[in-house]
Amino acid sequence: MQKMCTIEGLRMTFQPQPQLSIGMGVNNELYSQVEIDGDVWGKGVGMTWDEAKMQAAEAAFQNMKAKIGQFSQKTSTFF
């Protein structure tokens, strides 16, 4: 995913996800989110930072695939 963003000229970063409620962060869980050009594309949670990043990256990848699918369906109607 990082490589795809680089090719497209997009900036991808992993950020700690803000914990909005008291119930979040129990059991030493860590929260991460993937931001692409400042927009949140995926969120993840894990017992380690790497696990949280991996889940966030997977969610972002799925969201990106869905967005690409929507785009290709829209453009295919013109041909």
N, C-alpha and C. Protein backbone atom coordinates (compact mmCIF):
# COMPACT_ATOMS: atom_id res chain seq x y z
N MET A 1 0.82 -1.17 0.00
CA MET A 1 0.00 0.00 0.00
C MET A 1 0.87 1.25 0.00
N GLN A 2 1.94 1.22 0.78
CA GLN A 2 2.86 2.36 0.82
C GLN A 2 3.43 2.62 -0.57
N LYS A 3 3.78 1.55 -1.27
CA LYS A 3 4.35 1.68 -2.61
C LYS A 3 3.33 2.29 -3.57
N MET A 4 2.09 1.83 -3.49
CA MET A 4 1.03 2.35 -4.36
C MET A 4 0.82 3.84 -4.10
N CYS A 5 0.82 4.25 -2.85
CA CYS A 5 0.65 5.67 -2.51
C CYS A 5 1.82 6.49 -3.05
N THR A 6 3.02 5.95 -2.92
CA THR A 6 4.20 6.65 -3.42
C THR A 6 4.11 6.84 -4.93
N ILE A 7 3.72 5.79 -5.64
CA ILE A 7 3.59 5.87 -7.09
C ILE A 7 2.56 6.92 -7.49
N GLU A 8 1.47 7.00 -6.74
CA GLU A 8 0.40 7.95 -7.04
C GLU A 8 0.68 9.36 -6.50
N GLY A 9 1.81 9.52 -5.79
CA GLY A 9 2.16 10.82 -5.24
C GLY A 9 1.36 11.19 -4.00
N LEU A 10 0.85 10.18 -3.29
CA LEU A 10 0.07 10.41 -2.08
C LEU A 10 0.94 10.17 -0.85
N ARG A 11 0.68 10.90 0.20
CA ARG A 11 1.44 10.72 1.44
C ARG A 11 0.63 9.86 2.40
N MET A 12 1.19 8.72 2.79
CA MET A 12 0.52 7.81 3.72
C MET A 12 1.28 7.80 5.04
N THR A 13 0.53 7.94 6.14
CA THR A 13 1.15 7.89 7.45
C THR A 13 0.30 7.05 8.39
N PHE A 14 0.95 6.48 9.38
CA PHE A 14 0.26 5.79 10.48
C PHE A 14 0.25 6.74 11.66
N GLN A 15 -0.90 6.92 12.27
CA GLN A 15 -1.04 7.80 13.41
C GLN A 15 -1.71 7.04 14.55
N PRO A 16 -1.39 7.38 15.78
CA PRO A 16 -2.16 6.82 16.89
C PRO A 16 -3.59 7.35 16.77
N GLN A 17 -4.55 6.48 16.91
CA GLN A 17 -5.94 6.88 16.80
C GLN A 17 -6.37 7.55 18.10
N PRO A 18 -6.98 8.72 18.01
CA PRO A 18 -7.44 9.36 19.24
C PRO A 18 -8.44 8.47 19.98
N GLN A 19 -8.29 8.35 21.27
CA GLN A 19 -9.20 7.55 22.08
C GLN A 19 -10.31 8.48 22.58
N LEU A 20 -11.52 8.28 22.06
CA LEU A 20 -12.62 9.20 22.30
C LEU A 20 -13.42 8.90 23.55
N SER A 21 -13.34 7.67 24.05
CA SER A 21 -14.16 7.36 25.22
C SER A 21 -13.32 6.66 26.28
N ILE A 22 -13.84 6.64 27.47
CA ILE A 22 -13.15 6.02 28.59
C ILE A 22 -12.95 4.52 28.36
N GLY A 23 -13.89 3.87 27.68
CA GLY A 23 -13.83 2.43 27.45
C GLY A 23 -12.76 2.00 26.48
N MET A 24 -12.27 2.93 25.64
CA MET A 24 -11.23 2.58 24.68
C MET A 24 -9.89 2.49 25.39
N GLY A 25 -9.03 1.64 24.91
CA GLY A 25 -7.70 1.52 25.45
C GLY A 25 -7.59 0.60 26.65
N VAL A 26 -8.63 -0.15 26.95
CA VAL A 26 -8.56 -1.09 28.05
C VAL A 26 -7.73 -2.29 27.62
N ASN A 27 -7.22 -3.02 28.58
CA ASN A 27 -6.40 -4.21 28.31
C ASN A 27 -5.15 -3.89 27.49
N ASN A 28 -4.64 -2.70 27.64
CA ASN A 28 -3.41 -2.28 26.95
C ASN A 28 -3.51 -2.34 25.43
N GLU A 29 -4.70 -2.18 24.88
CA GLU A 29 -4.86 -2.17 23.43
C GLU A 29 -4.33 -0.86 22.87
N LEU A 30 -3.72 -0.96 21.69
CA LEU A 30 -3.22 0.21 20.99
C LEU A 30 -4.08 0.44 19.75
N TYR A 31 -4.32 1.69 19.43
CA TYR A 31 -5.17 2.05 18.31
C TYR A 31 -4.35 2.81 17.29
N SER A 32 -4.56 2.51 16.02
CA SER A 32 -3.84 3.14 14.93
C SER A 32 -4.81 3.51 13.84
N GLN A 33 -4.44 4.52 13.06
CA GLN A 33 -5.23 4.82 11.87
C GLN A 33 -4.28 5.16 10.73
N VAL A 34 -4.71 4.82 9.51
CA VAL A 34 -3.94 5.13 8.32
C VAL A 34 -4.53 6.39 7.72
N GLU A 35 -3.67 7.37 7.49
CA GLU A 35 -4.09 8.61 6.84
C GLU A 35 -3.39 8.70 5.50
N ILE A 36 -4.18 9.01 4.48
CA ILE A 36 -3.64 9.23 3.14
C ILE A 36 -4.00 10.65 2.76
N ASP A 37 -2.97 11.46 2.59
CA ASP A 37 -3.14 12.89 2.32
C ASP A 37 -4.09 13.55 3.31
N GLY A 38 -3.97 13.17 4.58
CA GLY A 38 -4.73 13.80 5.64
C GLY A 38 -6.10 13.21 5.91
N ASP A 39 -6.57 12.30 5.06
CA ASP A 39 -7.87 11.65 5.27
C ASP A 39 -7.68 10.27 5.89
N VAL A 40 -8.52 9.93 6.86
CA VAL A 40 -8.44 8.62 7.50
C VAL A 40 -9.08 7.58 6.59
N TRP A 41 -8.29 6.55 6.23
CA TRP A 41 -8.77 5.49 5.33
C TRP A 41 -8.96 4.17 6.05
N GLY A 42 -8.35 3.99 7.22
CA GLY A 42 -8.49 2.73 7.95
C GLY A 42 -8.09 2.90 9.40
N LYS A 43 -8.72 2.09 10.25
CA LYS A 43 -8.42 2.10 11.68
C LYS A 43 -8.16 0.67 12.14
N GLY A 44 -7.29 0.51 13.13
CA GLY A 44 -6.98 -0.80 13.64
C GLY A 44 -6.70 -0.77 15.12
N VAL A 45 -6.79 -1.94 15.73
CA VAL A 45 -6.52 -2.09 17.16
C VAL A 45 -5.71 -3.37 17.35
N GLY A 46 -4.78 -3.34 18.29
CA GLY A 46 -3.98 -4.53 18.56
C GLY A 46 -3.27 -4.43 19.89
N MET A 47 -2.68 -5.52 20.28
CA MET A 47 -1.93 -5.57 21.54
C MET A 47 -0.55 -4.95 21.37
N THR A 48 -0.08 -4.83 20.11
CA THR A 48 1.19 -4.16 19.82
C THR A 48 0.93 -3.10 18.76
N TRP A 49 1.86 -2.15 18.66
CA TRP A 49 1.74 -1.09 17.66
C TRP A 49 1.75 -1.69 16.25
N ASP A 50 2.60 -2.69 16.01
CA ASP A 50 2.67 -3.32 14.69
C ASP A 50 1.35 -4.00 14.33
N GLU A 51 0.72 -4.66 15.30
CA GLU A 51 -0.56 -5.32 15.05
C GLU A 51 -1.65 -4.29 14.73
N ALA A 52 -1.67 -3.21 15.47
CA ALA A 52 -2.66 -2.15 15.23
C ALA A 52 -2.44 -1.52 13.86
N LYS A 53 -1.17 -1.30 13.49
CA LYS A 53 -0.86 -0.73 12.17
C LYS A 53 -1.29 -1.67 11.05
N MET A 54 -1.05 -2.97 11.24
CA MET A 54 -1.39 -3.95 10.22
C MET A 54 -2.91 -3.98 10.00
N GLN A 55 -3.67 -3.97 11.08
CA GLN A 55 -5.13 -3.96 10.94
C GLN A 55 -5.60 -2.68 10.27
N ALA A 56 -5.01 -1.55 10.62
CA ALA A 56 -5.38 -0.28 10.01
C ALA A 56 -5.04 -0.28 8.52
N ALA A 57 -3.89 -0.84 8.18
CA ALA A 57 -3.48 -0.91 6.77
C ALA A 57 -4.43 -1.80 5.98
N GLU A 58 -4.84 -2.92 6.56
CA GLU A 58 -5.78 -3.82 5.88
C GLU A 58 -7.11 -3.11 5.64
N ALA A 59 -7.61 -2.40 6.64
CA ALA A 59 -8.86 -1.66 6.48
C ALA A 59 -8.73 -0.58 5.40
N ALA A 60 -7.60 0.11 5.39
CA ALA A 60 -7.36 1.15 4.38
C ALA A 60 -7.30 0.54 2.99
N PHE A 61 -6.64 -0.60 2.87
CA PHE A 61 -6.54 -1.29 1.58
C PHE A 61 -7.92 -1.69 1.06
N GLN A 62 -8.75 -2.24 1.95
CA GLN A 62 -10.10 -2.63 1.55
C GLN A 62 -10.91 -1.39 1.11
N ASN A 63 -10.77 -0.30 1.84
CA ASN A 63 -11.46 0.93 1.46
C ASN A 63 -10.98 1.47 0.12
N MET A 64 -9.68 1.35 -0.11
CA MET A 64 -9.11 1.81 -1.38
C MET A 64 -9.62 0.95 -2.54
N LYS A 65 -9.66 -0.38 -2.33
CA LYS A 65 -10.20 -1.26 -3.38
C LYS A 65 -11.65 -0.92 -3.69
N ALA A 66 -12.45 -0.64 -2.66
CA ALA A 66 -13.85 -0.29 -2.88
C ALA A 66 -13.96 1.02 -3.65
N LYS A 67 -13.11 1.99 -3.32
CA LYS A 67 -13.13 3.29 -4.00
C LYS A 67 -12.74 3.13 -5.45
N ILE A 68 -11.72 2.31 -5.73
CA ILE A 68 -11.30 2.07 -7.12
C ILE A 68 -12.41 1.36 -7.89
N GLY A 69 -13.10 0.42 -7.25
CA GLY A 69 -14.21 -0.28 -7.88
C GLY A 69 -15.34 0.67 -8.24
N GLN A 70 -15.65 1.61 -7.37
CA GLN A 70 -16.68 2.61 -7.66
C GLN A 70 -16.28 3.48 -8.84
N PHE A 71 -15.01 3.87 -8.87
CA PHE A 71 -14.52 4.72 -9.95
C PHE A 71 -14.58 4.00 -11.29
N SER A 72 -14.14 2.73 -11.33
CA SER A 72 -14.13 2.00 -12.60
C SER A 72 -15.55 1.71 -13.08
N GLN A 73 -16.51 1.51 -12.17
CA GLN A 73 -17.90 1.31 -12.58
C GLN A 73 -18.46 2.58 -13.19
N LYS A 74 -18.15 3.72 -12.64
CA LYS A 74 -18.64 5.00 -13.16
C LYS A 74 -18.06 5.28 -14.54
N THR A 75 -16.75 5.04 -14.71
CA THR A 75 -16.12 5.37 -15.98
C THR A 75 -16.50 4.36 -17.06
N SER A 76 -16.80 3.12 -16.70
CA SER A 76 -17.13 2.13 -17.72
C SER A 76 -18.48 2.40 -18.38
N THR A 77 -19.33 3.18 -17.75
CA THR A 77 -20.63 3.48 -18.36
C THR A 77 -20.51 4.45 -19.51
N PHE A 78 -19.36 5.11 -19.64
CA PHE A 78 -19.18 6.07 -20.71
C PHE A 78 -18.62 5.43 -21.97
N PHE A 79 -18.24 4.16 -21.91
CA PHE A 79 -17.63 3.51 -23.08
C PHE A 79 -18.54 2.47 -23.65
